[in-house]
N, C-alpha and C. Protein backbone atom coordinates (compact mmCIF):
# COMPACT_ATOMS: atom_id res chain seq x y z
N MET A 1 -8.46 -0.74 -10.58
CA MET A 1 -8.25 -1.79 -9.60
C MET A 1 -8.19 -1.14 -8.22
N ASP A 2 -8.83 -1.76 -7.28
CA ASP A 2 -8.87 -1.25 -5.91
C ASP A 2 -7.64 -1.73 -5.16
N THR A 3 -6.79 -0.79 -4.76
CA THR A 3 -5.56 -1.14 -4.03
C THR A 3 -5.67 -0.82 -2.54
N SER A 4 -6.84 -0.37 -2.11
CA SER A 4 -7.00 0.07 -0.73
C SER A 4 -6.79 -1.06 0.28
N MET A 5 -7.15 -2.29 -0.08
CA MET A 5 -6.98 -3.41 0.85
C MET A 5 -5.50 -3.65 1.15
N ALA A 6 -4.67 -3.62 0.13
CA ALA A 6 -3.23 -3.83 0.34
C ALA A 6 -2.65 -2.71 1.19
N LEU A 7 -3.07 -1.49 0.94
CA LEU A 7 -2.56 -0.36 1.73
C LEU A 7 -3.05 -0.43 3.17
N THR A 8 -4.27 -0.88 3.36
CA THR A 8 -4.81 -1.04 4.71
C THR A 8 -4.02 -2.10 5.48
N ARG A 9 -3.67 -3.19 4.80
CA ARG A 9 -2.88 -4.24 5.45
C ARG A 9 -1.49 -3.73 5.83
N LEU A 10 -0.89 -2.92 4.97
CA LEU A 10 0.42 -2.35 5.28
C LEU A 10 0.33 -1.45 6.51
N GLU A 11 -0.69 -0.60 6.52
CA GLU A 11 -0.91 0.28 7.67
C GLU A 11 -1.10 -0.53 8.95
N ALA A 12 -1.87 -1.60 8.87
CA ALA A 12 -2.12 -2.45 10.05
C ALA A 12 -0.83 -3.10 10.53
N ALA A 13 0.03 -3.49 9.60
CA ALA A 13 1.31 -4.09 9.98
C ALA A 13 2.18 -3.08 10.72
N VAL A 14 2.19 -1.84 10.24
CA VAL A 14 2.97 -0.80 10.92
C VAL A 14 2.37 -0.53 12.30
N GLU A 15 1.06 -0.45 12.37
CA GLU A 15 0.41 -0.22 13.67
C GLU A 15 0.69 -1.35 14.65
N GLN A 16 0.76 -2.57 14.15
CA GLN A 16 1.11 -3.71 15.01
C GLN A 16 2.52 -3.55 15.56
N GLN A 17 3.42 -3.08 14.74
CA GLN A 17 4.79 -2.86 15.20
C GLN A 17 4.86 -1.74 16.24
N ILE A 18 4.00 -0.76 16.09
CA ILE A 18 3.93 0.32 17.09
C ILE A 18 3.52 -0.26 18.44
N LEU A 19 2.55 -1.17 18.44
CA LEU A 19 2.11 -1.79 19.68
C LEU A 19 3.24 -2.56 20.36
N VAL A 20 4.09 -3.17 19.55
CA VAL A 20 5.22 -3.93 20.08
C VAL A 20 6.21 -2.99 20.79
N SER A 21 6.21 -1.73 20.40
CA SER A 21 7.16 -0.78 20.99
C SER A 21 6.82 -0.47 22.45
N GLY A 22 5.67 -0.93 22.90
CA GLY A 22 5.30 -0.73 24.30
C GLY A 22 4.75 0.64 24.60
N GLY A 23 4.20 1.30 23.61
CA GLY A 23 3.58 2.60 23.85
C GLY A 23 4.56 3.76 23.94
N ASP A 24 5.76 3.58 23.44
CA ASP A 24 6.76 4.65 23.43
C ASP A 24 6.25 5.78 22.54
N PRO A 25 6.02 6.97 23.11
CA PRO A 25 5.47 8.07 22.31
C PRO A 25 6.39 8.52 21.18
N ASP A 26 7.70 8.37 21.35
CA ASP A 26 8.61 8.74 20.28
C ASP A 26 8.48 7.79 19.09
N VAL A 27 8.32 6.51 19.38
CA VAL A 27 8.13 5.52 18.32
C VAL A 27 6.80 5.77 17.62
N GLU A 28 5.77 6.03 18.39
CA GLU A 28 4.46 6.31 17.80
C GLU A 28 4.50 7.54 16.91
N ALA A 29 5.18 8.59 17.37
CA ALA A 29 5.28 9.82 16.57
C ALA A 29 6.07 9.57 15.30
N ALA A 30 7.16 8.82 15.41
CA ALA A 30 7.98 8.52 14.23
C ALA A 30 7.19 7.70 13.21
N ALA A 31 6.47 6.70 13.70
CA ALA A 31 5.67 5.84 12.81
C ALA A 31 4.57 6.66 12.12
N ALA A 32 3.93 7.52 12.87
CA ALA A 32 2.88 8.37 12.29
C ALA A 32 3.47 9.29 11.22
N ALA A 33 4.64 9.84 11.49
CA ALA A 33 5.29 10.72 10.51
C ALA A 33 5.68 9.95 9.25
N ILE A 34 6.20 8.75 9.45
CA ILE A 34 6.59 7.94 8.29
C ILE A 34 5.36 7.56 7.46
N LEU A 35 4.31 7.09 8.13
CA LEU A 35 3.08 6.74 7.40
C LEU A 35 2.51 7.94 6.66
N GLY A 36 2.53 9.09 7.33
CA GLY A 36 2.02 10.30 6.68
C GLY A 36 2.83 10.68 5.46
N ALA A 37 4.15 10.58 5.57
CA ALA A 37 5.02 10.94 4.45
C ALA A 37 4.92 9.94 3.30
N LEU A 38 4.67 8.70 3.62
CA LEU A 38 4.64 7.66 2.58
C LEU A 38 3.25 7.39 2.01
N ALA A 39 2.23 7.96 2.59
CA ALA A 39 0.86 7.64 2.16
C ALA A 39 0.65 7.86 0.66
N ALA A 40 0.94 9.04 0.18
CA ALA A 40 0.72 9.33 -1.24
C ALA A 40 1.63 8.50 -2.15
N PRO A 41 2.94 8.41 -1.86
CA PRO A 41 3.79 7.57 -2.73
C PRO A 41 3.38 6.10 -2.72
N LEU A 42 2.92 5.59 -1.59
CA LEU A 42 2.47 4.20 -1.54
C LEU A 42 1.22 3.99 -2.38
N ARG A 43 0.27 4.94 -2.31
CA ARG A 43 -0.94 4.84 -3.14
C ARG A 43 -0.56 4.86 -4.62
N GLU A 44 0.34 5.76 -4.98
CA GLU A 44 0.77 5.87 -6.38
C GLU A 44 1.47 4.59 -6.84
N THR A 45 2.34 4.05 -6.01
CA THR A 45 3.04 2.82 -6.36
C THR A 45 2.08 1.65 -6.50
N ALA A 46 1.13 1.55 -5.60
CA ALA A 46 0.14 0.48 -5.67
C ALA A 46 -0.67 0.59 -6.97
N GLN A 47 -1.04 1.80 -7.34
CA GLN A 47 -1.79 2.01 -8.58
C GLN A 47 -0.94 1.63 -9.79
N GLU A 48 0.33 2.01 -9.77
CA GLU A 48 1.22 1.66 -10.88
C GLU A 48 1.38 0.14 -11.00
N LEU A 49 1.50 -0.54 -9.88
CA LEU A 49 1.61 -2.01 -9.91
C LEU A 49 0.33 -2.64 -10.47
N ALA A 50 -0.81 -2.10 -10.07
CA ALA A 50 -2.08 -2.62 -10.59
C ALA A 50 -2.18 -2.40 -12.09
N GLU A 51 -1.74 -1.24 -12.56
CA GLU A 51 -1.77 -0.95 -14.00
C GLU A 51 -0.83 -1.88 -14.76
N GLN A 52 0.35 -2.14 -14.20
CA GLN A 52 1.28 -3.06 -14.84
C GLN A 52 0.70 -4.47 -14.92
N ALA A 53 0.07 -4.90 -13.85
CA ALA A 53 -0.54 -6.23 -13.84
C ALA A 53 -1.64 -6.32 -14.88
N ALA A 54 -2.46 -5.28 -14.96
CA ALA A 54 -3.55 -5.27 -15.95
C ALA A 54 -2.98 -5.30 -17.37
N ALA A 55 -1.90 -4.56 -17.60
CA ALA A 55 -1.28 -4.55 -18.93
C ALA A 55 -0.72 -5.92 -19.29
N GLU A 56 -0.12 -6.59 -18.32
CA GLU A 56 0.42 -7.92 -18.57
C GLU A 56 -0.69 -8.93 -18.87
N VAL A 57 -1.77 -8.85 -18.10
CA VAL A 57 -2.90 -9.75 -18.35
C VAL A 57 -3.52 -9.45 -19.71
N ALA A 58 -3.66 -8.17 -20.02
CA ALA A 58 -4.24 -7.78 -21.32
C ALA A 58 -3.38 -8.29 -22.47
N ALA A 59 -2.07 -8.26 -22.30
CA ALA A 59 -1.17 -8.75 -23.35
C ALA A 59 -1.32 -10.26 -23.54
N GLN A 60 -1.63 -10.96 -22.47
CA GLN A 60 -1.78 -12.41 -22.55
C GLN A 60 -3.17 -12.83 -23.02
N LEU A 61 -4.14 -11.92 -22.89
CA LEU A 61 -5.51 -12.21 -23.29
C LEU A 61 -6.01 -11.12 -24.24
N PRO A 62 -5.47 -11.05 -25.44
CA PRO A 62 -5.80 -9.94 -26.35
C PRO A 62 -7.27 -9.89 -26.76
N ALA A 63 -7.98 -10.98 -26.64
CA ALA A 63 -9.38 -11.00 -27.07
C ALA A 63 -10.33 -10.52 -25.97
N HIS A 64 -9.78 -10.13 -24.80
CA HIS A 64 -10.60 -9.72 -23.67
C HIS A 64 -10.24 -8.30 -23.26
N GLU A 65 -11.22 -7.62 -22.67
CA GLU A 65 -10.98 -6.27 -22.17
C GLU A 65 -10.65 -6.36 -20.68
N ILE A 66 -9.53 -5.71 -20.28
CA ILE A 66 -9.07 -5.73 -18.89
C ILE A 66 -9.18 -4.33 -18.35
N ASP A 67 -9.86 -4.18 -17.19
CA ASP A 67 -9.98 -2.86 -16.55
C ASP A 67 -8.86 -2.67 -15.55
């Protein structure tokens, strides 16, 4: 399952909040550091959620193959 769209939307939401800060370089640096630190865990969590959803759908539709 492709989770990149959800992660892109999250990144865009954070970037929007950075714009609200009025260009404060400290806020921009902090946001960049947080996004950088969370990038891999967020991708992993999104993948795990997709796998859980697929498993639940597969359990409800045993006669079908779910990717």
